[in-house]
Amino acid sequence: MKVSAEAVGALKPHRASFDALSEALGVPPEQIVHVGDREDVDVAGALAAGMRAWRLTSKKRAPTRAEQRLSRWKLDAFAPLWTDGPESSS
């Protein structure tokens, strides 16, 4: 499966590509975490579509509406989803 803003015909931050991804996956948007490096297109677009947003940025104090800020990509970056996500039973 491939979903891209170009194929949908609406570039980020327009919510159409985020909606298309949710539909293609068959997952409600609130259960999707979009990770991107730009506040203006990645975070804004994901939030507009009702998704969770994480931001990858080297600037520790960069203003963001994302719920998490990642300063580097690492394998355990998604560990919080298993305990803090909307489906968490704890």
PDB file of N, CA and C in Angstrom:
ATOM      1  N   MET A   1       0.847  -1.171   0.000  1.00  0.00           N
ATOM      2  CA  MET A   1       0.000   0.000   0.000  1.00  0.00           C
ATOM      3  C   MET A   1       0.894   1.235   0.000  1.00  0.00           C
ATOM      4  N   LYS A   2       0.532   2.189  -0.817  1.00  0.00           N
ATOM      5  CA  LYS A   2       1.261   3.450  -0.845  1.00  0.00           C
ATOM      6  C   LYS A   2       0.250   4.587  -0.853  1.00  0.00           C
ATOM      7  N   VAL A   3       0.417   5.484   0.092  1.00  0.00           N
ATOM      8  CA  VAL A   3      -0.414   6.682   0.152  1.00  0.00           C
ATOM      9  C   VAL A   3       0.535   7.856   0.150  1.00  0.00           C
ATOM     10  N   SER A   4       0.338   8.770  -0.772  1.00  0.00           N
ATOM     11  CA  SER A   4       1.189   9.960  -0.815  1.00  0.00           C
ATOM     12  C   SER A   4       0.323  11.187  -1.071  1.00  0.00           C
ATOM     13  N   ALA A   5       0.803  12.303  -0.597  1.00  0.00           N
ATOM     14  CA  ALA A   5       0.075  13.557  -0.800  1.00  0.00           C
ATOM     15  C   ALA A   5      -0.074  13.859  -2.285  1.00  0.00           C
ATOM     16  N   GLU A   6       0.959  13.551  -3.053  1.00  0.00           N
ATOM     17  CA  GLU A   6       0.917  13.809  -4.493  1.00  0.00           C
ATOM     18  C   GLU A   6      -0.157  12.967  -5.166  1.00  0.00           C
ATOM     19  N   ALA A   7      -0.261  11.688  -4.785  1.00  0.00           N
ATOM     20  CA  ALA A   7      -1.262  10.801  -5.379  1.00  0.00           C
ATOM     21  C   ALA A   7      -2.678  11.225  -5.007  1.00  0.00           C
ATOM     22  N   VAL A   8      -2.845  11.742  -3.800  1.00  0.00           N
ATOM     23  CA  VAL A   8      -4.158  12.192  -3.340  1.00  0.00           C
ATOM     24  C   VAL A   8      -4.535  13.511  -4.005  1.00  0.00           C
ATOM     25  N   GLY A   9      -3.525  14.289  -4.370  1.00  0.00           N
ATOM     26  CA  GLY A   9      -3.781  15.578  -5.014  1.00  0.00           C
ATOM     27  C   GLY A   9      -3.907  16.737  -4.045  1.00  0.00           C
ATOM     28  N   ALA A  10      -3.413  16.529  -2.848  1.00  0.00           N
ATOM     29  CA  ALA A  10      -3.460  17.592  -1.837  1.00  0.00           C
ATOM     30  C   ALA A  10      -2.221  17.469  -0.968  1.00  0.00           C
ATOM     31  N   LEU A  11      -1.349  18.446  -1.063  1.00  0.00           N
ATOM     32  CA  LEU A  11      -0.107  18.402  -0.300  1.00  0.00           C
ATOM     33  C   LEU A  11      -0.348  18.738   1.171  1.00  0.00           C
ATOM     34  N   LYS A  12       0.515  18.189   2.026  1.00  0.00           N
ATOM     35  CA  LYS A  12       0.448  18.528   3.451  1.00  0.00           C
ATOM     36  C   LYS A  12       0.633  20.024   3.601  1.00  0.00           C
ATOM     37  N   PRO A  13      -0.066  20.648   4.486  1.00  0.00           N
ATOM     38  CA  PRO A  13      -0.807  20.119   5.616  1.00  0.00           C
ATOM     39  C   PRO A  13      -2.283  19.819   5.355  1.00  0.00           C
ATOM     40  N   HIS A  14      -2.723  19.862   4.106  1.00  0.00           N
ATOM     41  CA  HIS A  14      -4.122  19.528   3.823  1.00  0.00           C
ATOM     42  C   HIS A  14      -4.416  18.146   4.387  1.00  0.00           C
ATOM     43  N   ARG A  15      -5.541  17.998   4.997  1.00  0.00           N
ATOM     44  CA  ARG A  15      -5.845  16.751   5.687  1.00  0.00           C
ATOM     45  C   ARG A  15      -6.206  15.593   4.760  1.00  0.00           C
ATOM     46  N   ALA A  16      -6.385  15.838   3.473  1.00  0.00           N
ATOM     47  CA  ALA A  16      -6.825  14.787   2.555  1.00  0.00           C
ATOM     48  C   ALA A  16      -5.875  13.587   2.534  1.00  0.00           C
ATOM     49  N   SER A  17      -4.572  13.824   2.524  1.00  0.00           N
ATOM     50  CA  SER A  17      -3.640  12.700   2.496  1.00  0.00           C
ATOM     51  C   SER A  17      -3.641  11.941   3.819  1.00  0.00           C
ATOM     52  N   PHE A  18      -3.832  12.638   4.923  1.00  0.00           N
ATOM     53  CA  PHE A  18      -3.917  11.978   6.223  1.00  0.00           C
ATOM     54  C   PHE A  18      -5.194  11.144   6.295  1.00  0.00           C
ATOM     55  N   ASP A  19      -6.297  11.683   5.792  1.00  0.00           N
ATOM     56  CA  ASP A  19      -7.555  10.937   5.747  1.00  0.00           C
ATOM     57  C   ASP A  19      -7.424   9.700   4.862  1.00  0.00           C
ATOM     58  N   ALA A  20      -6.741   9.834   3.723  1.00  0.00           N
ATOM     59  CA  ALA A  20      -6.551   8.702   2.811  1.00  0.00           C
ATOM     60  C   ALA A  20      -5.749   7.594   3.482  1.00  0.00           C
ATOM     61  N   LEU A  21      -4.756   7.967   4.264  1.00  0.00           N
ATOM     62  CA  LEU A  21      -3.960   6.974   4.982  1.00  0.00           C
ATOM     63  C   LEU A  21      -4.826   6.231   6.000  1.00  0.00           C
ATOM     64  N   SER A  22      -5.601   6.957   6.760  1.00  0.00           N
ATOM     65  CA  SER A  22      -6.475   6.345   7.753  1.00  0.00           C
ATOM     66  C   SER A  22      -7.443   5.364   7.089  1.00  0.00           C
ATOM     67  N   GLU A  23      -8.021   5.792   5.984  1.00  0.00           N
ATOM     68  CA  GLU A  23      -8.957   4.929   5.256  1.00  0.00           C
ATOM     69  C   GLU A  23      -8.256   3.697   4.695  1.00  0.00           C
ATOM     70  N   ALA A  24      -7.076   3.872   4.109  1.00  0.00           N
ATOM     71  CA  ALA A  24      -6.342   2.750   3.522  1.00  0.00           C
ATOM     72  C   ALA A  24      -5.941   1.727   4.586  1.00  0.00           C
ATOM     73  N   LEU A  25      -5.598   2.200   5.758  1.00  0.00           N
ATOM     74  CA  LEU A  25      -5.215   1.300   6.845  1.00  0.00           C
ATOM     75  C   LEU A  25      -6.424   0.685   7.542  1.00  0.00           C
ATOM     76  N   GLY A  26      -7.574   1.334   7.398  1.00  0.00           N
ATOM     77  CA  GLY A  26      -8.763   0.875   8.102  1.00  0.00           C
ATOM     78  C   GLY A  26      -8.665   1.122   9.598  1.00  0.00           C
ATOM     79  N   VAL A  27      -7.963   2.196   9.945  1.00  0.00           N
ATOM     80  CA  VAL A  27      -7.726   2.534  11.351  1.00  0.00           C
ATOM     81  C   VAL A  27      -8.257   3.941  11.593  1.00  0.00           C
ATOM     82  N   PRO A  28      -8.990   4.158  12.672  1.00  0.00           N
ATOM     83  CA  PRO A  28      -9.469   5.513  12.967  1.00  0.00           C
ATOM     84  C   PRO A  28      -8.297   6.468  13.165  1.00  0.00           C
ATOM     85  N   PRO A  29      -8.419   7.709  12.729  1.00  0.00           N
ATOM     86  CA  PRO A  29      -7.303   8.648  12.808  1.00  0.00           C
ATOM     87  C   PRO A  29      -6.751   8.837  14.216  1.00  0.00           C
ATOM     88  N   GLU A  30      -7.602   8.766  15.224  1.00  0.00           N
ATOM     89  CA  GLU A  30      -7.118   8.982  16.591  1.00  0.00           C
ATOM     90  C   GLU A  30      -6.210   7.855  17.082  1.00  0.00           C
ATOM     91  N   GLN A  31      -6.136   6.761  16.337  1.00  0.00           N
ATOM     92  CA  GLN A  31      -5.251   5.656  16.701  1.00  0.00           C
ATOM     93  C   GLN A  31      -3.954   5.667  15.892  1.00  0.00           C
ATOM     94  N   ILE A  32      -3.749   6.704  15.104  1.00  0.00           N
ATOM     95  CA  ILE A  32      -2.544   6.812  14.271  1.00  0.00           C
ATOM     96  C   ILE A  32      -1.637   7.899  14.833  1.00  0.00           C
ATOM     97  N   VAL A  33      -0.352   7.584  14.909  1.00  0.00           N
ATOM     98  CA  VAL A  33       0.653   8.577  15.294  1.00  0.00           C
ATOM     99  C   VAL A  33       1.455   8.922  14.045  1.00  0.00           C
ATOM    100  N   HIS A  34       1.382  10.170  13.642  1.00  0.00           N
ATOM    101  CA  HIS A  34       2.165  10.647  12.498  1.00  0.00           C
ATOM    102  C   HIS A  34       3.440  11.277  13.054  1.00  0.00           C
ATOM    103  N   VAL A  35       4.577  10.839  12.536  1.00  0.00           N
ATOM    104  CA  VAL A  35       5.863  11.399  12.947  1.00  0.00           C
ATOM    105  C   VAL A  35       6.422  12.189  11.780  1.00  0.00           C
ATOM    106  N   GLY A  36       6.733  13.444  12.022  1.00  0.00           N
ATOM    107  CA  GLY A  36       7.292  14.283  10.975  1.00  0.00           C
ATOM    108  C   GLY A  36       8.225  15.308  11.568  1.00  0.00           C
ATOM    109  N   ASP A  37       8.960  15.977  10.693  1.00  0.00           N
ATOM    110  CA  ASP A  37       9.962  16.934  11.176  1.00  0.00           C
ATOM    111  C   ASP A  37       9.512  18.387  11.083  1.00  0.00           C
ATOM    112  N   ARG A  38       8.372  18.629  10.492  1.00  0.00           N
ATOM    113  CA  ARG A  38       7.944  20.027  10.326  1.00  0.00           C
ATOM    114  C   ARG A  38       6.642  20.309  11.060  1.00  0.00           C
ATOM    115  N   GLU A  39       6.674  21.386  11.801  1.00  0.00           N
ATOM    116  CA  GLU A  39       5.489  21.813  12.554  1.00  0.00           C
ATOM    117  C   GLU A  39       4.372  22.239  11.605  1.00  0.00           C
ATOM    118  N   ASP A  40       4.744  23.006  10.571  1.00  0.00           N
ATOM    119  CA  ASP A  40       3.743  23.609   9.688  1.00  0.00           C
ATOM    120  C   ASP A  40       3.019  22.625   8.791  1.00  0.00           C
ATOM    121  N   VAL A  41       3.634  21.532   8.429  1.00  0.00           N
ATOM    122  CA  VAL A  41       2.957  20.578   7.544  1.00  0.00           C
ATOM    123  C   VAL A  41       2.672  19.245   8.222  1.00  0.00           C
ATOM    124  N   ASP A  42       3.634  18.695   8.937  1.00  0.00           N
ATOM    125  CA  ASP A  42       3.446  17.381   9.547  1.00  0.00           C
ATOM    126  C   ASP A  42       2.554  17.433  10.780  1.00  0.00           C
ATOM    127  N   VAL A  43       2.930  18.243  11.733  1.00  0.00           N
ATOM    128  CA  VAL A  43       2.148  18.335  12.969  1.00  0.00           C
ATOM    129  C   VAL A  43       0.779  18.947  12.689  1.00  0.00           C
ATOM    130  N   ALA A  44       0.745  20.046  11.967  1.00  0.00           N
ATOM    131  CA  ALA A  44      -0.525  20.717  11.682  1.00  0.00           C
ATOM    132  C   ALA A  44      -1.483  19.813  10.907  1.00  0.00           C
ATOM    133  N   GLY A  45      -0.986  19.118   9.909  1.00  0.00           N
ATOM    134  CA  GLY A  45      -1.838  18.245   9.099  1.00  0.00           C
ATOM    135  C   GLY A  45      -2.373  17.066   9.874  1.00  0.00           C
ATOM    136  N   ALA A  46      -1.515  16.428  10.654  1.00  0.00           N
ATOM    137  CA  ALA A  46      -1.946  15.278  11.447  1.00  0.00           C
ATOM    138  C   ALA A  46      -3.010  15.688  12.461  1.00  0.00           C
ATOM    139  N   LEU A  47      -2.772  16.785  13.154  1.00  0.00           N
ATOM    140  CA  LEU A  47      -3.741  17.245  14.151  1.00  0.00           C
ATOM    141  C   LEU A  47      -5.069  17.630  13.501  1.00  0.00           C
ATOM    142  N   ALA A  48      -5.012  18.250  12.325  1.00  0.00           N
ATOM    143  CA  ALA A  48      -6.238  18.630  11.614  1.00  0.00           C
ATOM    144  C   ALA A  48      -7.066  17.409  11.233  1.00  0.00           C
ATOM    145  N   ALA A  49      -6.391  16.292  10.987  1.00  0.00           N
ATOM    146  CA  ALA A  49      -7.080  15.057  10.612  1.00  0.00           C
ATOM    147  C   ALA A  49      -7.493  14.231  11.829  1.00  0.00           C
ATOM    148  N   GLY A  50      -7.180  14.705  13.027  1.00  0.00           N
ATOM    149  CA  GLY A  50      -7.549  13.978  14.235  1.00  0.00           C
ATOM    150  C   GLY A  50      -6.551  12.935  14.661  1.00  0.00           C
ATOM    151  N   MET A  51      -5.354  12.966  14.078  1.00  0.00           N
ATOM    152  CA  MET A  51      -4.299  12.021  14.445  1.00  0.00           C
ATOM    153  C   MET A  51      -3.451  12.581  15.578  1.00  0.00           C
ATOM    154  N   ARG A  52      -2.695  11.693  16.177  1.00  0.00           N
ATOM    155  CA  ARG A  52      -1.685  12.116  17.137  1.00  0.00           C
ATOM    156  C   ARG A  52      -0.463  12.543  16.330  1.00  0.00           C
ATOM    157  N   ALA A  53       0.309  13.468  16.871  1.00  0.00           N
ATOM    158  CA  ALA A  53       1.479  13.972  16.139  1.00  0.00           C
ATOM    159  C   ALA A  53       2.704  13.975  17.042  1.00  0.00           C
ATOM    160  N   TRP A  54       3.790  13.463  16.502  1.00  0.00           N
ATOM    161  CA  TRP A  54       5.095  13.540  17.145  1.00  0.00           C
ATOM    162  C   TRP A  54       6.004  14.284  16.200  1.00  0.00           C
ATOM    163  N   ARG A  55       6.926  15.051  16.757  1.00  0.00           N
ATOM    164  CA  ARG A  55       7.831  15.845  15.923  1.00  0.00           C
ATOM    165  C   ARG A  55       9.275  15.433  16.151  1.00  0.00           C
ATOM    166  N   LEU A  56       9.975  15.196  15.053  1.00  0.00           N
ATOM    167  CA  LEU A  56      11.399  14.894  15.073  1.00  0.00           C
ATOM    168  C   LEU A  56      12.151  16.203  14.850  1.00  0.00           C
ATOM    169  N   THR A  57      12.863  16.672  15.875  1.00  0.00           N
ATOM    170  CA  THR A  57      13.582  17.929  15.774  1.00  0.00           C
ATOM    171  C   THR A  57      14.801  17.904  16.682  1.00  0.00           C
ATOM    172  N   SER A  58      15.877  18.508  16.228  1.00  0.00           N
ATOM    173  CA  SER A  58      17.087  18.576  17.048  1.00  0.00           C
ATOM    174  C   SER A  58      17.027  19.747  18.029  1.00  0.00           C
ATOM    175  N   LYS A  59      16.064  20.624  17.845  1.00  0.00           N
ATOM    176  CA  LYS A  59      15.924  21.790  18.719  1.00  0.00           C
ATOM    177  C   LYS A  59      15.054  21.419  19.920  1.00  0.00           C
ATOM    178  N   LYS A  60      15.681  21.297  21.075  1.00  0.00           N
ATOM    179  CA  LYS A  60      14.980  20.835  22.273  1.00  0.00           C
ATOM    180  C   LYS A  60      13.849  21.751  22.706  1.00  0.00           C
ATOM    181  N   ARG A  61      13.950  23.025  22.396  1.00  0.00           N
ATOM    182  CA  ARG A  61      12.923  23.965  22.837  1.00  0.00           C
ATOM    183  C   ARG A  61      12.090  24.506  21.679  1.00  0.00           C
ATOM    184  N   ALA A  62      12.121  23.838  20.561  1.00  0.00           N
ATOM    185  CA  ALA A  62      11.320  24.288  19.421  1.00  0.00           C
ATOM    186  C   ALA A  62       9.845  24.245  19.799  1.00  0.00           C
ATOM    187  N   PRO A  63       9.122  25.333  19.570  1.00  0.00           N
ATOM    188  CA  PRO A  63       7.696  25.309  19.895  1.00  0.00           C
ATOM    189  C   PRO A  63       6.976  24.264  19.046  1.00  0.00           C
ATOM    190  N   THR A  64       6.084  23.541  19.668  1.00  0.00           N
ATOM    191  CA  THR A  64       5.360  22.506  18.932  1.00  0.00           C
ATOM    192  C   THR A  64       4.031  22.208  19.612  1.00  0.00           C
ATOM    193  N   ARG A  65       3.075  21.773  18.792  1.00  0.00           N
ATOM    194  CA  ARG A  65       1.802  21.286  19.314  1.00  0.00           C
ATOM    195  C   ARG A  65       1.806  19.765  19.378  1.00  0.00           C
ATOM    196  N   ALA A  66       2.910  19.157  18.956  1.00  0.00           N
ATOM    197  CA  ALA A  66       3.027  17.702  18.989  1.00  0.00           C
ATOM    198  C   ALA A  66       3.057  17.215  20.429  1.00  0.00           C
ATOM    199  N   GLU A  67       2.526  16.027  20.641  1.00  0.00           N
ATOM    200  CA  GLU A  67       2.510  15.498  22.001  1.00  0.00           C
ATOM    201  C   GLU A  67       3.873  14.991  22.443  1.00  0.00           C
ATOM    202  N   GLN A  68       4.734  14.666  21.495  1.00  0.00           N
ATOM    203  CA  GLN A  68       6.100  14.243  21.822  1.00  0.00           C
ATOM    204  C   GLN A  68       7.071  14.876  20.855  1.00  0.00           C
ATOM    205  N   ARG A  69       8.260  15.137  21.356  1.00  0.00           N
ATOM    206  CA  ARG A  69       9.360  15.661  20.539  1.00  0.00           C
ATOM    207  C   ARG A  69      10.485  14.640  20.609  1.00  0.00           C
ATOM    208  N   LEU A  70      10.941  14.200  19.449  1.00  0.00           N
ATOM    209  CA  LEU A  70      12.057  13.257  19.362  1.00  0.00           C
ATOM    210  C   LEU A  70      13.266  14.006  18.840  1.00  0.00           C
ATOM    211  N   SER A  71      14.395  13.870  19.526  1.00  0.00           N
ATOM    212  CA  SER A  71      15.592  14.573  19.070  1.00  0.00           C
ATOM    213  C   SER A  71      16.441  13.706  18.155  1.00  0.00           C
ATOM    214  N   ARG A  72      16.206  12.407  18.184  1.00  0.00           N
ATOM    215  CA  ARG A  72      16.913  11.502  17.271  1.00  0.00           C
ATOM    216  C   ARG A  72      16.076  10.244  17.102  1.00  0.00           C
ATOM    217  N   TRP A  73      16.315   9.599  15.988  1.00  0.00           N
ATOM    218  CA  TRP A  73      15.568   8.388  15.694  1.00  0.00           C
ATOM    219  C   TRP A  73      16.251   7.222  16.373  1.00  0.00           C
ATOM    220  N   LYS A  74      15.508   6.461  17.145  1.00  0.00           N
ATOM    221  CA  LYS A  74      16.057   5.282  17.795  1.00  0.00           C
ATOM    222  C   LYS A  74      14.982   4.206  17.837  1.00  0.00           C
ATOM    223  N   LEU A  75      15.399   2.981  17.961  1.00  0.00           N
ATOM    224  CA  LEU A  75      14.459   1.868  17.886  1.00  0.00           C
ATOM    225  C   LEU A  75      13.381   1.907  18.959  1.00  0.00           C
ATOM    226  N   ASP A  76      13.704   2.397  20.135  1.00  0.00           N
ATOM    227  CA  ASP A  76      12.712   2.401  21.202  1.00  0.00           C
ATOM    228  C   ASP A  76      11.872   3.684  21.241  1.00  0.00           C
ATOM    229  N   ALA A  77      11.917   4.468  20.197  1.00  0.00           N
ATOM    230  CA  ALA A  77      11.170   5.733  20.171  1.00  0.00           C
ATOM    231  C   ALA A  77       9.671   5.524  20.368  1.00  0.00           C
ATOM    232  N   PHE A  78       9.169   4.384  19.926  1.00  0.00           N
ATOM    233  CA  PHE A  78       7.736   4.144  20.009  1.00  0.00           C
ATOM    234  C   PHE A  78       7.301   3.400  21.270  1.00  0.00           C
ATOM    235  N   ALA A  79       8.234   3.124  22.161  1.00  0.00           N
ATOM    236  CA  ALA A  79       7.904   2.423  23.403  1.00  0.00           C
ATOM    237  C   ALA A  79       6.768   3.099  24.182  1.00  0.00           C
ATOM    238  N   PRO A  80       6.703   4.441  24.229  1.00  0.00           N
ATOM    239  CA  PRO A  80       5.599   5.066  24.973  1.00  0.00           C
ATOM    240  C   PRO A  80       4.212   4.698  24.444  1.00  0.00           C
ATOM    241  N   LEU A  81       4.110   4.311  23.193  1.00  0.00           N
ATOM    242  CA  LEU A  81       2.809   3.953  22.633  1.00  0.00           C
ATOM    243  C   LEU A  81       2.240   2.699  23.295  1.00  0.00           C
ATOM    244  N   TRP A  82       3.093   1.824  23.721  1.00  0.00           N
ATOM    245  CA  TRP A  82       2.619   0.570  24.299  1.00  0.00           C
ATOM    246  C   TRP A  82       2.050   0.778  25.701  1.00  0.00           C
ATOM    247  N   THR A  83       2.452   1.858  26.367  1.00  0.00           N
ATOM    248  CA  THR A  83       1.944   2.104  27.723  1.00  0.00           C
ATOM    249  C   THR A  83       1.087   3.353  27.824  1.00  0.00           C
ATOM    250  N   ASP A  84       1.287   4.337  26.925  1.00  0.00           N
ATOM    251  CA  ASP A  84       0.582   5.606  27.038  1.00  0.00           C
ATOM    252  C   ASP A  84      -0.448   5.848  25.955  1.00  0.00           C
ATOM    253  N   GLY A  85      -0.614   4.910  25.037  1.00  0.00           N
ATOM    254  CA  GLY A  85      -1.505   5.127  23.903  1.00  0.00           C
ATOM    255  C   GLY A  85      -2.963   5.087  24.299  1.00  0.00           C
ATOM    256  N   PRO A  86      -3.825   5.472  23.370  1.00  0.00           N
ATOM    257  CA  PRO A  86      -5.255   5.519  23.654  1.00  0.00           C
ATOM    258  C   PRO A  86      -5.853   4.154  23.963  1.00  0.00           C
ATOM    259  N   GLU A  87      -5.192   3.085  23.543  1.00  0.00           N
ATOM    260  CA  GLU A  87      -5.700   1.725  23.770  1.00  0.00           C
ATOM    261  C   GLU A  87      -5.115   1.115  25.038  1.00  0.00           C
ATOM    262  N   SER A  88      -4.324   1.852  25.793  1.00  0.00           N
ATOM    263  CA  SER A  88      -3.657   1.335  26.974  1.00  0.00           C
ATOM    264  C   SER A  88      -4.670   0.848  28.005  1.00  0.00           C
ATOM    265  N   SER A  89      -4.358  -0.280  28.614  1.00  0.00           N
ATOM    266  CA  SER A  89      -5.256  -0.806  29.637  1.00  0.00           C
ATOM    267  C   SER A  89      -4.796  -0.438  31.040  1.00  0.00           C
ATOM    268  N   SER A  90      -3.654   0.214  31.179  1.00  0.00           N
ATOM    269  CA  SER A  90      -3.174   0.562  32.515  1.00  0.00           C
ATOM    270  C   SER A  90      -3.619   1.929  32.935  1.00  0.00           C
TER     271      SER A  90
END
